[in-house]
Amino acid sequence: MRQEFTYNQIAHLNAALHEQRLPYRISFHDAETAVVEPLGFCACDGKEGMLKAAIEAFFEKEGMTVTFSDHCEIISPGCRTVSMAACQ
């Protein structure tokens, strides 16, 4: 079964990341992909693992499995992973 992101899920995920003091924002790209944006260069150092864990836990509660690109820039539900060059 195909899984898709909703705007509400992304908004709630951003609120959860803010509550956990993780310096990232997730932007809705389309129903299958979302972009992970760091909110500063130094603030994100060493927090990638916590970010991935928070995203996976959030979507697990939503009944979804997500995968990450090589650069953790795109998250996509279940069936495909989309790579994107790291934001500079």
C-alpha atoms as a PDB file:
ATOM      1  CA  MET A   1       0.000   0.000   0.000  1.00  0.00           C
ATOM      2  CA  ARG A   2       1.307   3.423  -0.956  1.00  0.00           C
ATOM      3  CA  GLN A   3       1.984   5.825   1.900  1.00  0.00           C
ATOM      4  CA  GLU A   4       1.812   9.577   1.524  1.00  0.00           C
ATOM      5  CA  PHE A   5       2.732  12.562   3.668  1.00  0.00           C
ATOM      6  CA  THR A   6       0.150  15.185   4.565  1.00  0.00           C
ATOM      7  CA  TYR A   7       0.694  18.863   5.342  1.00  0.00           C
ATOM      8  CA  ASN A   8      -0.652  18.257   8.857  1.00  0.00           C
ATOM      9  CA  GLN A   9       1.867  15.485   9.512  1.00  0.00           C
ATOM     10  CA  ILE A  10       4.736  17.738   8.482  1.00  0.00           C
ATOM     11  CA  ALA A  11       3.414  20.575  10.671  1.00  0.00           C
ATOM     12  CA  HIS A  12       3.117  18.237  13.670  1.00  0.00           C
ATOM     13  CA  LEU A  13       6.571  16.793  12.981  1.00  0.00           C
ATOM     14  CA  ASN A  14       8.057  20.306  12.959  1.00  0.00           C
ATOM     15  CA  ALA A  15       6.367  21.023  16.295  1.00  0.00           C
ATOM     16  CA  ALA A  16       7.791  17.792  17.734  1.00  0.00           C
ATOM     17  CA  LEU A  17      11.300  18.671  16.521  1.00  0.00           C
ATOM     18  CA  HIS A  18      10.954  22.131  18.073  1.00  0.00           C
ATOM     19  CA  GLU A  19       9.843  20.611  21.401  1.00  0.00           C
ATOM     20  CA  GLN A  20      12.874  18.310  21.316  1.00  0.00           C
ATOM     21  CA  ARG A  21      15.108  21.318  20.559  1.00  0.00           C
ATOM     22  CA  LEU A  22      16.337  19.775  17.323  1.00  0.00           C
ATOM     23  CA  PRO A  23      17.466  22.605  15.008  1.00  0.00           C
ATOM     24  CA  TYR A  24      15.784  21.385  11.825  1.00  0.00           C
ATOM     25  CA  ARG A  25      12.701  22.232   9.793  1.00  0.00           C
ATOM     26  CA  ILE A  26      10.921  19.765   7.541  1.00  0.00           C
ATOM     27  CA  SER A  27       9.399  21.202   4.369  1.00  0.00           C
ATOM     28  CA  PHE A  28       6.642  19.429   2.462  1.00  0.00           C
ATOM     29  CA  HIS A  29       7.860  18.708  -1.064  1.00  0.00           C
ATOM     30  CA  ASP A  30       5.108  16.428  -2.354  1.00  0.00           C
ATOM     31  CA  ALA A  31       3.030  13.514  -1.075  1.00  0.00           C
ATOM     32  CA  GLU A  32       6.066  11.208  -1.132  1.00  0.00           C
ATOM     33  CA  THR A  33       8.962  13.441  -0.137  1.00  0.00           C
ATOM     34  CA  ALA A  34       9.869  16.083   2.395  1.00  0.00           C
ATOM     35  CA  VAL A  35      13.045  18.136   2.665  1.00  0.00           C
ATOM     36  CA  VAL A  36      15.064  18.291   5.892  1.00  0.00           C
ATOM     37  CA  GLU A  37      16.511  21.777   6.368  1.00  0.00           C
ATOM     38  CA  PRO A  38      19.086  22.549   9.074  1.00  0.00           C
ATOM     39  CA  LEU A  39      18.440  25.775  10.977  1.00  0.00           C
ATOM     40  CA  GLY A  40      22.096  26.776  11.034  1.00  0.00           C
ATOM     41  CA  PHE A  41      25.367  25.034  10.344  1.00  0.00           C
ATOM     42  CA  CYS A  42      26.951  24.624  13.776  1.00  0.00           C
ATOM     43  CA  ALA A  43      23.685  24.056  15.639  1.00  0.00           C
ATOM     44  CA  CYS A  44      23.095  20.781  13.798  1.00  0.00           C
ATOM     45  CA  ASP A  45      26.531  19.215  14.295  1.00  0.00           C
ATOM     46  CA  GLY A  46      26.226  15.803  15.890  1.00  0.00           C
ATOM     47  CA  LYS A  47      22.418  15.828  15.994  1.00  0.00           C
ATOM     48  CA  GLU A  48      21.737  13.873  12.802  1.00  0.00           C
ATOM     49  CA  GLY A  49      21.180  10.616  14.702  1.00  0.00           C
ATOM     50  CA  MET A  50      18.721  12.253  17.088  1.00  0.00           C
ATOM     51  CA  LEU A  51      16.927  13.815  14.111  1.00  0.00           C
ATOM     52  CA  LYS A  52      16.572  10.482  12.318  1.00  0.00           C
ATOM     53  CA  ALA A  53      15.341   8.789  15.498  1.00  0.00           C
ATOM     54  CA  ALA A  54      12.776  11.549  16.106  1.00  0.00           C
ATOM     55  CA  ILE A  55      11.485  11.375  12.523  1.00  0.00           C
ATOM     56  CA  GLU A  56      11.278   7.572  12.560  1.00  0.00           C
ATOM     57  CA  ALA A  57       9.460   7.586  15.923  1.00  0.00           C
ATOM     58  CA  PHE A  58       6.998  10.236  14.733  1.00  0.00           C
ATOM     59  CA  PHE A  59       6.065   8.367  11.569  1.00  0.00           C
ATOM     60  CA  GLU A  60       5.974   5.013  13.364  1.00  0.00           C
ATOM     61  CA  LYS A  61       3.182   6.476  15.521  1.00  0.00           C
ATOM     62  CA  GLU A  62       1.496   7.468  12.250  1.00  0.00           C
ATOM     63  CA  GLY A  63       1.782   3.876  10.989  1.00  0.00           C
ATOM     64  CA  MET A  64       4.400   4.762   8.381  1.00  0.00           C
ATOM     65  CA  THR A  65       7.965   3.693   7.653  1.00  0.00           C
ATOM     66  CA  VAL A  66      10.339   6.320   6.265  1.00  0.00           C
ATOM     67  CA  THR A  67      13.703   6.094   4.539  1.00  0.00           C
ATOM     68  CA  PHE A  68      16.406   8.721   4.214  1.00  0.00           C
ATOM     69  CA  SER A  69      18.610   9.820   1.343  1.00  0.00           C
ATOM     70  CA  ASP A  70      22.373   9.596   1.649  1.00  0.00           C
ATOM     71  CA  HIS A  71      22.486  13.210   2.825  1.00  0.00           C
ATOM     72  CA  CYS A  72      19.427  13.040   5.115  1.00  0.00           C
ATOM     73  CA  GLU A  73      17.935  15.800   2.999  1.00  0.00           C
ATOM     74  CA  ILE A  74      14.846  13.980   1.806  1.00  0.00           C
ATOM     75  CA  ILE A  75      12.604  11.664   3.761  1.00  0.00           C
ATOM     76  CA  SER A  76      10.116   9.521   1.936  1.00  0.00           C
ATOM     77  CA  PRO A  77       7.527   7.009   3.049  1.00  0.00           C
ATOM     78  CA  GLY A  78       8.098   3.375   2.361  1.00  0.00           C
ATOM     79  CA  CYS A  79       8.608   2.681  -1.282  1.00  0.00           C
ATOM     80  CA  ARG A  80      11.274   5.044  -2.599  1.00  0.00           C
ATOM     81  CA  THR A  81      14.243   7.094  -1.493  1.00  0.00           C
ATOM     82  CA  VAL A  82      15.080  10.287  -3.336  1.00  0.00           C
ATOM     83  CA  SER A  83      18.586  11.702  -3.114  1.00  0.00           C
ATOM     84  CA  MET A  84      19.348  15.390  -3.126  1.00  0.00           C
ATOM     85  CA  ALA A  85      22.606  17.290  -2.820  1.00  0.00           C
ATOM     86  CA  ALA A  86      23.188  18.658   0.662  1.00  0.00           C
ATOM     87  CA  CYS A  87      22.013  22.232   1.108  1.00  0.00           C
ATOM     88  CA  GLN A  88      24.863  24.711   1.373  1.00  0.00           C
END
